[in-house]
Protein backbone atom coordinates (compact mmCIF):
# COMPACT_ATOMS: atom_id res chain seq x y z
CA MET A 1 171.25 226.63 48.18
CA LYS A 2 174.04 226.24 45.95
CA ILE A 3 174.14 226.26 42.01
CA ILE A 4 176.39 226.69 39.22
CA LYS A 5 177.10 230.40 37.97
CA LYS A 6 179.67 229.64 35.50
CA LEU A 7 181.05 227.16 33.44
CA LYS A 8 184.27 227.07 30.74
CA PHE A 9 185.35 223.83 29.37
CA ARG A 10 188.26 223.66 26.80
CA ASN A 11 189.39 220.46 24.83
CA THR A 12 186.90 218.17 26.59
CA LEU A 13 185.79 215.20 25.23
CA GLY A 14 183.69 216.56 21.98
CA ILE A 15 183.88 220.35 23.24
CA THR A 16 186.56 222.45 21.76
CA GLU A 17 185.88 225.80 24.08
CA LEU A 18 182.38 226.71 25.70
CA SER A 19 181.56 229.23 28.21
CA ILE A 20 178.31 229.47 29.74
CA GLU A 21 176.45 230.98 32.73
CA PRO A 22 173.61 228.57 33.27
CA LYS A 23 170.38 229.14 34.94
CA LEU A 24 168.08 226.82 36.66
CA ILE A 25 167.13 224.75 33.49
CA ASN A 26 169.49 224.29 30.97
CA ILE A 27 168.63 222.56 27.96
CA ILE A 28 171.41 220.97 25.56
CA GLU A 29 170.09 220.25 22.13
CA GLY A 30 171.39 219.28 18.96
CA ARG A 31 172.04 216.38 16.45
CA CYS A 32 173.81 213.25 17.40
CA GLY A 33 177.50 213.38 18.28
CA ALA A 34 177.28 216.91 18.22
CA GLY A 35 178.91 216.91 21.89
CA LYS A 36 175.62 217.41 23.99
CA THR A 37 176.33 214.40 26.34
CA SER A 38 180.25 216.08 26.45
CA VAL A 39 178.72 218.96 28.41
CA LEU A 40 177.28 216.62 31.18
CA ASP A 41 180.39 214.20 31.42
CA ALA A 42 182.58 217.26 31.81
CA ILE A 43 180.39 219.07 34.76
CA ASN A 44 180.57 215.17 36.14
CA THR A 45 184.17 215.23 36.06
CA ALA A 46 185.04 218.40 36.84
CA LEU A 47 183.16 218.08 39.97
CA SER A 48 183.90 214.39 41.29
CA ASN A 49 186.94 213.47 39.06
CA LYS A 50 185.28 210.64 37.77
CA ASN A 51 186.08 209.79 34.30
CA ILE A 52 183.52 208.97 32.39
CA ARG A 53 185.14 208.21 29.26
CA ALA A 54 188.77 207.00 28.92
CA ASP A 55 189.57 209.60 25.91
CA PHE A 56 188.43 212.60 28.26
CA VAL A 57 191.06 214.73 26.52
CA ARG A 58 189.77 216.14 22.88
CA LYS A 59 191.58 213.95 20.31
CA GLY A 60 194.64 215.65 19.13
CA GLU A 61 195.32 217.88 22.15
CA THR A 62 197.40 217.05 25.36
CA GLU A 63 195.15 218.90 27.92
CA SER A 64 191.74 219.84 28.97
CA SER A 65 190.71 222.34 31.19
CA MET A 66 187.26 222.48 33.58
CA PHE A 67 186.35 225.89 35.21
CA VAL A 68 183.32 225.66 37.45
CA GLU A 69 182.04 228.60 39.45
CA LEU A 70 179.27 228.28 42.17
CA SER A 71 176.65 230.70 43.37
CA ASP A 72 178.60 231.19 46.94
CA GLY A 73 181.69 232.29 44.91
CA THR A 74 183.22 228.51 45.07
CA VAL A 75 185.68 227.93 42.39
CA ILE A 76 187.04 224.70 40.89
CA ASP A 77 189.53 224.79 38.42
CA ARG A 78 190.49 221.29 37.21
CA GLU A 79 193.13 220.19 34.59
CA LYS A 80 193.76 216.60 32.82
CA ASN A 81 197.06 216.51 30.89
CA LEU A 82 198.01 213.12 29.17
CA GLU A 83 201.98 213.91 29.63
CA LYS A 84 201.72 215.37 33.30
CA SER A 85 199.63 214.73 36.27
CA ASP A 86 196.42 215.84 37.11
CA LYS A 87 195.82 219.42 38.72
CA ILE A 88 192.93 220.35 41.07
CA LYS A 89 192.50 223.68 42.77
CA VAL A 90 189.48 224.61 45.03
CA ILE A 91 188.67 228.14 46.12
CA ALA A 92 185.95 228.29 48.45
CA ASP A 93 184.92 230.22 51.96
CA GLY A 94 186.47 228.84 54.80
CA PHE A 95 187.69 225.88 52.92
CA GLN A 96 190.76 223.60 54.39
CA GLY A 97 191.85 220.27 53.43
CA GLN A 98 191.79 218.08 50.39
CA PRO A 99 189.90 219.56 47.29
CA GLU A 100 188.23 215.93 46.30
CA THR A 101 187.04 215.51 49.76
CA TYR A 102 185.29 219.08 49.76
CA LEU A 103 183.58 218.15 46.22
CA LYS A 104 182.17 214.80 47.69
CA SER A 105 180.50 216.79 49.97
CA LEU A 106 179.34 218.88 46.95
CA PHE A 107 178.32 216.57 44.49
CA SER A 108 177.87 213.11 44.13
CA ASP A 109 179.91 210.76 42.11
CA ASN A 110 177.19 208.41 41.44
CA GLN A 111 174.91 210.99 39.77
CA PHE A 112 170.98 210.13 39.75
CA ARG A 113 169.59 210.35 36.60
CA PRO A 114 166.17 210.81 36.68
CA ILE A 115 165.00 209.68 33.09
CA SER A 116 167.20 206.51 33.42
CA PHE A 117 165.39 205.88 36.71
CA ILE A 118 162.01 205.92 34.87
CA GLU A 119 163.51 203.59 32.12
CA SER A 120 165.29 201.33 34.93
CA THR A 121 163.77 197.97 35.72
CA GLU A 122 161.16 197.74 38.35
CA LYS A 123 164.20 195.93 40.58
CA GLU A 124 166.75 198.86 40.05
CA GLN A 125 163.75 201.24 40.95
CA ASN A 126 163.04 199.63 44.11
CA LYS A 127 166.54 199.30 44.95
CA THR A 128 167.11 203.06 44.61
CA LEU A 129 164.26 204.02 46.29
CA LEU A 130 164.66 201.49 48.99
CA GLY A 131 168.54 203.10 49.64
CA LEU A 132 166.76 206.36 50.37
CA VAL A 133 165.70 204.87 53.65
CA ASN A 134 168.72 205.00 55.91
CA ILE A 135 167.81 202.51 58.62
CA GLU A 136 171.16 201.41 60.34
CA TRP A 137 171.76 197.73 61.04
CA SER A 138 174.04 194.77 61.69
CA LYS A 139 174.43 191.36 61.36
CA GLU A 140 173.71 191.01 64.87
CA ASP A 141 170.26 192.44 64.51
CA ILE A 142 170.02 189.44 62.06
CA LYS A 143 171.06 187.03 64.47
CA GLU A 144 168.48 188.56 67.32
CA TRP A 145 165.58 188.58 65.14
CA PHE A 146 165.93 185.29 63.54
CA GLY A 147 168.40 183.52 65.59
CA GLU A 148 170.68 183.19 62.78
CA VAL A 149 172.27 184.88 60.22
CA PRO A 150 170.81 183.10 56.82
CA ASP A 151 173.51 182.23 54.43
CA TRP A 152 171.94 182.45 50.92
CA VAL A 153 170.80 186.29 51.39
CA ASP A 154 173.55 189.03 50.10
CA TYR A 155 173.79 190.96 53.22
CA SER A 156 175.22 194.22 50.70
CA GLN A 157 171.82 195.21 50.13
CA HIS A 158 169.75 197.62 51.82
CA ILE A 159 168.29 196.07 55.34
CA LEU A 160 164.92 195.90 53.51
CA ASN A 161 165.92 194.30 50.62
CA VAL A 162 167.61 191.70 52.60
CA LEU A 163 164.02 191.46 54.98
CA GLY A 164 162.46 190.79 51.60
CA ASP A 165 164.93 188.03 50.51
CA ILE A 166 164.63 186.28 53.53
CA GLN A 167 160.79 186.10 53.45
CA SER A 168 160.83 185.59 49.73
CA GLN A 169 159.01 182.63 48.37
CA ARG A 170 162.57 181.78 46.47
CA GLY A 171 164.21 182.23 50.15
CA LYS A 172 165.59 179.11 51.90
CA TYR A 173 163.12 179.97 54.74
CA TYR A 174 159.76 179.74 52.43
CA LEU A 175 161.54 177.06 50.36
CA THR A 176 161.95 174.61 53.44
CA ARG A 177 158.68 175.29 54.93
CA GLU A 178 157.09 174.19 51.43
CA ASP A 179 159.09 171.09 51.96
CA ILE A 180 158.55 170.47 55.51
CA ASN A 181 154.76 171.11 55.00
CA ARG A 182 154.53 168.54 52.07
CA ASP A 183 156.67 166.14 54.18
CA ILE A 184 154.01 166.45 56.88
CA ARG A 185 151.30 166.21 54.27
CA ASN A 186 152.83 162.93 53.13
CA LYS A 187 153.35 161.75 56.80
CA LYS A 188 149.65 162.53 58.09
CA ALA A 189 148.42 160.65 54.90
CA ASN A 190 150.86 157.63 55.62
CA ALA A 191 149.97 157.32 58.98
CA SER A 192 146.16 157.97 58.31
CA ASP A 193 146.72 154.85 55.67
CA ILE A 194 148.14 152.85 58.49
CA MET A 195 145.42 153.41 61.01
CA ALA A 196 142.71 152.87 58.61
CA SER A 197 143.93 149.06 58.73
CA ILE A 198 143.75 149.00 62.67
CA PRO A 199 140.81 147.90 64.54
CA ASP A 200 138.64 151.17 66.02
CA ASN A 201 139.71 151.93 69.40
CA TYR A 202 142.80 150.14 69.31
CA ASN A 203 144.28 149.90 72.47
CA ALA A 204 148.33 149.21 71.82
CA LYS A 205 149.30 148.93 75.34
CA GLU A 206 146.81 146.20 76.29
CA TRP A 207 147.96 144.02 73.66
CA ARG A 208 151.47 144.99 74.14
CA GLU A 209 151.27 143.50 77.26
CA ALA A 210 149.08 140.77 76.20
CA LYS A 211 150.87 137.45 76.98
CA LEU A 212 150.25 134.75 74.09
CA SER A 213 152.03 131.94 76.06
CA GLU A 214 149.81 131.97 78.91
CA LEU A 215 146.49 132.18 76.66
CA TYR A 216 147.65 129.04 74.72
CA ALA A 217 148.97 127.45 77.42
CA GLU A 218 145.16 128.13 79.23
CA VAL A 219 144.04 126.55 75.82
CA SER A 220 146.24 123.60 76.05
CA LYS A 221 145.30 122.94 79.91
CA ALA A 222 141.44 123.31 78.77
CA GLN A 223 142.07 120.61 76.10
CA GLU A 224 144.04 118.14 78.35
CA HIS A 225 141.45 118.57 80.96
CA ASN A 226 138.65 117.84 78.36
CA ASN A 227 140.82 115.00 76.77
CA LYS A 228 141.04 113.34 80.19
CA LEU A 229 136.93 113.80 80.97
CA ASP A 230 136.67 112.12 77.29
CA GLN A 231 138.86 108.94 78.39
CA ASN A 232 137.30 108.50 81.71
CA LYS A 233 133.98 108.68 79.53
CA SER A 234 135.05 106.35 77.33
CA PHE A 235 136.57 104.10 80.16
CA ILE A 236 133.48 103.73 81.96
CA ALA A 237 131.60 103.20 78.74
CA SER A 238 133.62 100.50 77.87
CA VAL A 239 133.44 98.47 81.58
CA GLU A 240 130.65 96.80 80.82
CA ASP A 241 132.02 95.71 77.60
CA LYS A 242 135.36 94.39 79.37
CA ILE A 243 133.35 93.06 81.74
CA GLY A 244 131.46 91.08 78.72
CA SER A 245 134.63 90.05 77.74
CA ILE A 246 135.95 88.47 80.73
CA GLN A 247 132.83 86.72 81.55
CA MET A 248 133.21 85.28 78.35
CA LYS A 249 136.56 84.61 78.63
CA TYR A 250 135.70 82.57 81.88
CA MET A 251 132.72 80.75 80.35
CA THR A 252 135.33 79.66 77.50
CA ILE A 253 137.38 78.30 80.21
CA GLU A 254 134.68 76.94 82.35
CA GLN A 255 133.63 75.52 79.35
CA SER A 256 137.18 74.06 78.61
CA ILE A 257 136.78 72.69 82.01
CA LYS A 258 133.68 70.90 81.21
CA ASP A 259 134.79 69.46 77.95
CA LYS A 260 137.81 68.27 79.14
CA SER A 261 135.72 66.59 82.13
CA ASN A 262 133.36 65.24 79.78
CA SER A 263 135.81 64.03 77.46
CA GLU A 264 137.53 62.27 80.46
CA MET A 265 134.48 61.13 81.93
CA SER A 266 133.25 59.62 78.71
CA GLN A 267 136.79 57.87 78.29
CA VAL A 268 136.33 56.81 82.01
CA THR A 269 132.68 55.60 81.21
CA VAL A 270 133.91 53.45 78.29
CA ASP A 271 136.73 52.47 80.40
CA LYS A 272 134.03 51.16 83.25
CA GLU A 273 132.04 49.63 80.77
CA ASN A 274 134.77 47.70 79.49
CA LEU A 275 136.19 46.91 83.23
CA GLU A 276 132.66 46.04 84.09
CA LYS A 277 132.66 43.17 81.46
CA ARG A 278 135.86 42.43 83.52
CA ILE A 279 134.05 43.27 87.60
CA LYS A 280 134.74 39.97 88.08
CA MET A 281 138.24 40.27 87.22
CA LEU A 282 138.84 43.68 87.77
CA GLN A 283 136.61 44.85 90.64
CA ASP A 284 139.66 46.27 92.83
CA GLU A 285 140.45 48.15 89.54
CA ILE A 286 136.77 49.55 89.12
CA ALA A 287 136.77 50.89 92.32
CA GLY A 288 140.22 52.86 91.58
CA MET A 289 138.54 54.05 88.43
CA ALA A 290 135.56 55.65 90.34
CA ASN A 291 137.69 56.93 93.06
CA LYS A 292 139.78 58.64 89.93
CA ALA A 293 136.69 59.77 88.26
CA GLN A 294 135.49 61.31 91.66
CA THR A 295 138.83 63.02 92.13
CA ILE A 296 138.78 64.64 88.67
CA LYS A 297 134.93 65.57 89.26
CA ALA A 298 135.81 67.59 92.56
CA LYS A 299 138.95 69.34 90.85
CA ALA A 300 137.06 70.27 88.10
CA LEU A 301 134.46 71.65 90.42
CA SER A 302 137.20 73.44 92.25
CA ASP A 303 138.72 74.83 89.39
CA ILE A 304 135.70 76.25 87.95
CA GLU A 305 134.96 77.55 91.40
CA LEU A 306 138.70 79.31 91.02
CA ASN A 307 137.74 80.45 87.99
CA GLY A 308 134.52 82.24 89.20
CA LYS A 309 136.38 83.84 92.33
CA ASP A 310 139.11 85.28 89.87
CA ARG A 311 136.36 86.37 87.60
CA ASP A 312 134.52 88.02 90.03
CA LYS A 313 137.82 89.69 91.23
CA GLU A 314 138.99 91.43 88.07
CA ILE A 315 135.49 92.58 87.67
CA GLU A 316 135.08 93.96 91.10
CA VAL A 317 138.59 95.79 90.28
CA LEU A 318 137.32 97.32 87.21
CA ARG A 319 133.95 98.42 88.76
CA ALA A 320 135.75 99.81 91.46
CA GLU A 321 138.13 102.03 88.80
CA ALA A 322 135.20 103.21 87.28
CA LYS A 323 133.23 103.98 90.14
CA ALA A 324 136.28 105.98 90.91
CA LEU A 325 136.34 107.69 88.01
CA SER A 326 132.53 108.19 87.80
CA GLY A 327 133.02 111.33 90.27
CA ASN A 328 135.15 113.08 87.61
CA ILE A 329 132.94 112.79 84.64
CA LYS A 330 130.33 114.90 86.62
CA ASP A 331 132.43 118.09 85.77
CA LYS A 332 131.43 120.03 82.68
CA PRO A 333 133.69 120.01 79.99
CA VAL A 334 135.55 123.32 78.97
CA ASP A 335 134.25 125.24 76.25
CA ILE A 336 137.36 125.70 74.36
CA LYS A 337 136.26 127.77 71.30
CA PRO A 338 136.18 130.99 73.54
CA LEU A 339 139.69 130.60 74.76
CA GLU A 340 140.99 129.72 71.13
CA GLU A 341 139.05 132.81 69.67
CA LYS A 342 140.57 134.81 72.86
CA ALA A 343 144.23 133.54 71.95
CA GLU A 344 143.63 134.09 68.20
CA TYR A 345 142.28 137.58 68.51
CA ALA A 346 145.11 138.69 71.13
CA GLU A 347 147.48 137.42 68.19
CA LYS A 348 145.74 139.11 65.56
CA MET A 349 145.77 142.41 68.05
CA LYS A 350 149.52 142.21 68.41
CA SER A 351 150.07 141.54 64.80
CA TYR A 352 148.98 145.28 64.56
CA LEU A 353 151.78 146.74 67.16
CA ASN A 354 154.47 147.36 64.32
CA GLU A 355 152.19 149.30 62.19
CA TYR A 356 150.28 150.97 65.12
CA ASP A 357 154.14 152.28 66.53
CA ASN A 358 155.16 153.20 63.05
CA ALA A 359 152.23 155.30 63.02
CA MET A 360 152.69 156.62 66.17
CA ASN A 361 156.51 157.48 65.42
CA ILE A 362 155.17 159.06 62.22
CA HIS A 363 152.74 161.50 64.16
CA LYS A 364 155.91 162.03 66.48
CA GLU A 365 157.74 163.32 63.52
CA VAL A 366 154.92 165.29 62.02
CA ASP A 367 154.92 167.30 65.43
CA SER A 368 158.47 168.12 65.07
CA LEU A 369 158.21 169.05 61.51
CA VAL A 370 155.22 171.47 62.79
CA VAL A 371 157.32 173.15 65.18
CA GLN A 372 159.78 173.66 62.44
CA SER A 373 157.14 174.60 59.82
CA ASP A 374 156.08 177.31 62.90
CA ASP A 375 159.26 178.18 63.59
CA LEU A 376 160.04 178.91 59.88
CA THR A 377 156.23 180.89 59.25
CA LYS A 378 157.17 183.01 62.22
CA LYS A 379 160.77 183.82 60.79
CA ILE A 380 158.90 184.52 57.42
CA GLU A 381 156.33 186.95 59.19
CA LYS A 382 159.18 188.46 61.11
CA ALA A 383 160.74 189.24 58.02
CA ARG A 384 157.42 190.61 56.50
CA THR A 385 156.38 192.70 59.59
CA LEU A 386 159.85 194.09 60.53
CA PRO A 387 160.40 196.96 57.39
CA SER A 388 157.28 198.57 59.01
CA GLU A 389 158.82 198.14 62.25
CA LEU A 390 161.92 199.90 60.89
CA LEU A 391 160.15 202.41 58.75
CA GLN A 392 158.23 203.88 61.86
CA LYS A 393 161.58 204.38 63.48
CA VAL A 394 162.92 206.47 60.62
CA THR A 395 161.74 209.56 58.88
CA SER A 396 161.06 208.77 55.11
CA PRO A 397 162.55 210.91 52.91
CA ILE A 398 159.92 210.58 50.13
CA GLU A 399 156.12 211.50 51.04
CA GLY A 400 154.04 208.60 50.68
CA LEU A 401 156.83 205.91 50.67
CA SER A 402 155.97 202.56 52.66
CA VAL A 403 157.37 198.78 52.23
CA VAL A 404 155.73 195.67 52.35
CA ASP A 405 157.23 192.14 52.02
CA GLY A 406 160.50 194.06 50.69
CA VAL A 407 158.82 195.97 48.00
CA PRO A 408 158.54 199.73 48.28
CA LEU A 409 155.37 201.47 47.64
CA ILE A 410 153.93 205.11 46.73
CA ASN A 411 150.96 205.82 48.23
CA GLY A 412 150.22 202.22 48.59
CA LEU A 413 150.94 201.65 44.85
CA PRO A 414 154.20 200.00 43.11
CA ILE A 415 156.21 202.28 41.10
CA LYS A 416 155.19 200.62 37.67
CA ASN A 417 151.29 201.27 38.81
CA LEU A 418 152.10 205.47 39.16
CA SER A 419 150.90 207.37 36.34
CA THR A 420 153.72 208.91 33.97
CA GLY A 421 153.55 212.24 35.70
CA GLU A 422 153.67 210.44 39.13
CA GLN A 423 156.59 208.68 38.02
CA LEU A 424 158.29 212.00 36.98
CA ARG A 425 157.29 213.51 40.23
CA LEU A 426 158.78 210.66 42.19
CA ALA A 427 162.04 210.93 39.80
CA VAL A 428 162.54 214.73 40.63
CA LYS A 429 162.09 214.45 44.41
CA ILE A 430 164.78 211.05 44.43
CA ALA A 431 167.15 213.51 42.58
CA THR A 432 166.76 216.30 44.96
CA HIS A 433 167.18 214.00 48.15
CA LEU A 434 170.68 212.35 46.63
CA ALA A 435 172.13 215.43 45.35
CA GLY A 436 174.47 216.91 47.69
CA ASP A 437 174.88 220.52 48.81
CA LEU A 438 175.28 221.51 45.14
CA LYS A 439 171.57 221.06 44.06
CA VAL A 440 172.75 220.36 40.43
CA ILE A 441 171.21 217.64 38.37
CA LEU A 442 172.30 215.84 35.18
CA VAL A 443 169.60 214.49 32.68
CA ASP A 444 170.52 212.84 29.41
CA ARG A 445 168.45 212.13 26.69
CA LEU A 446 165.36 214.16 27.20
CA GLU A 447 164.18 213.09 23.74
CA SER A 448 163.75 209.37 25.01
CA LEU A 449 160.29 210.93 26.61
CA ASP A 450 157.21 212.04 24.39
CA GLU A 451 156.37 215.74 23.86
CA GLN A 452 153.72 215.37 26.46
CA THR A 453 155.72 213.44 28.93
CA GLN A 454 158.78 215.95 28.29
CA LYS A 455 156.70 219.21 29.25
CA LEU A 456 155.53 217.32 32.48
CA PHE A 457 159.31 216.23 33.55
CA LEU A 458 160.38 220.20 33.03
CA GLU A 459 157.45 221.22 34.58
CA GLU A 460 158.52 219.06 37.87
CA CYS A 461 162.28 220.21 37.65
CA ARG A 462 161.14 223.94 37.55
CA ALA A 463 158.85 222.95 40.44
CA SER A 464 161.93 221.67 42.81
CA GLY A 465 163.78 224.61 42.52
CA MET A 466 166.90 223.08 41.55
CA GLN A 467 169.62 223.32 38.54
CA PHE A 468 168.96 220.76 35.74
CA PHE A 469 171.42 220.16 32.81
CA LEU A 470 169.67 218.32 30.06
CA THR A 471 170.55 216.98 26.87
CA LYS A 472 168.15 216.76 23.87
CA VAL A 473 168.71 215.19 20.36
CA SER A 474 167.11 217.65 17.72
CA ASP A 475 167.31 218.38 14.35
CA THR A 476 168.52 222.04 15.13
CA GLU A 477 172.02 223.08 15.71
CA TYR A 478 174.06 222.56 18.69
CA ASN A 479 172.44 225.09 21.04
CA ILE A 480 171.94 225.66 24.97
CA ILE A 481 168.54 227.09 26.32
CA SER A 482 168.71 228.58 29.81
CA GLU A 483 165.86 229.65 31.57
């Protein structure tokens, strides 16, 4: 294991000149502004060339130098000059190539700070933990898993964060499924309301095929049949009255004939009486009048006889017509009411077809939405179960680390639920894992932890076997305590 054996800084940040031979635990303490953090930033810059601050060269100077010797004999000599180009020299056994590239294999330029990890937000802590799990993946895998590459997800994240976002209640899959399920509930309620207004066991096919025109034509036909029967019955019932009228008509004619005859006879009689007075004078005329009276009488009888024949003939015609119709009135009249009720019921049932079809269409829409909802549920469940599947294929760098719904857990608990000691232990384990070949950890603001927590943290640092440089604000003079 490589650690720092010797450090020399000159005109660096708040440091005029410093030379130390650090041990595993090195606590830099002193008042605020004494230059404690300058040591950490100087180590970081010497090993990574990462400018923590813009004014790296001490104010009033033009050049700063940093010298680092490692336990394996490697030497890093770096100079920063405000007037000239920076210089870097690395001397190491078997070293060839670019110094900065070599240094990146020794030391991370994005130094993990354990205390900052403890004080950071849960989201930031989770991101750090997930970053420890090296799972190889690509957008092609996303498409294979979900049939698409969701466009609302940030794919610069760790794959477990990506899966967490995909199955999240704030994600498009979840929210879309909520909208679809809400739509399903509304449509089902609408369809139920519609079906409630339709008679039970409604047979849409039967009433769709029912032909109202034929049903009402049957009603009209029955009505026509019944009207004809009524007409026939009425005619037959009126025949005797008609016959009475005919008889009365001909009796009137007969009486008229008789009256006329009687009138003429009376006149003849008067004339006869007058003539009788003139018998002697008008014998021949009397005989003529007698003959004329006889003729008139004969004619009257003949007319009466003809009148009776016409009467009898007309009555006979009526009786024949009534006899012909009497066979028809034996048919029973059709009961129209059931036919009308049948037609009206069919018309009512057909009136439900639009509502029924609407309900059926809604059910089809619901079936389609259910398929969509189920598909989204499968995708959400896929995003929930994939982390466990993926984690089974890789070795977790932190003992007890698991991921549920995109959230990293330590022994089944979220980080915030761990005790202070467990959080400190976890922070040191992460620092150990993230360190390069050079097992050096830089820790700022040790004083942000209470006394008991500081002790626990230092115990974890010692137990790790790595080299720590820690700053601590105190009321004492600037001092470096190494152990």
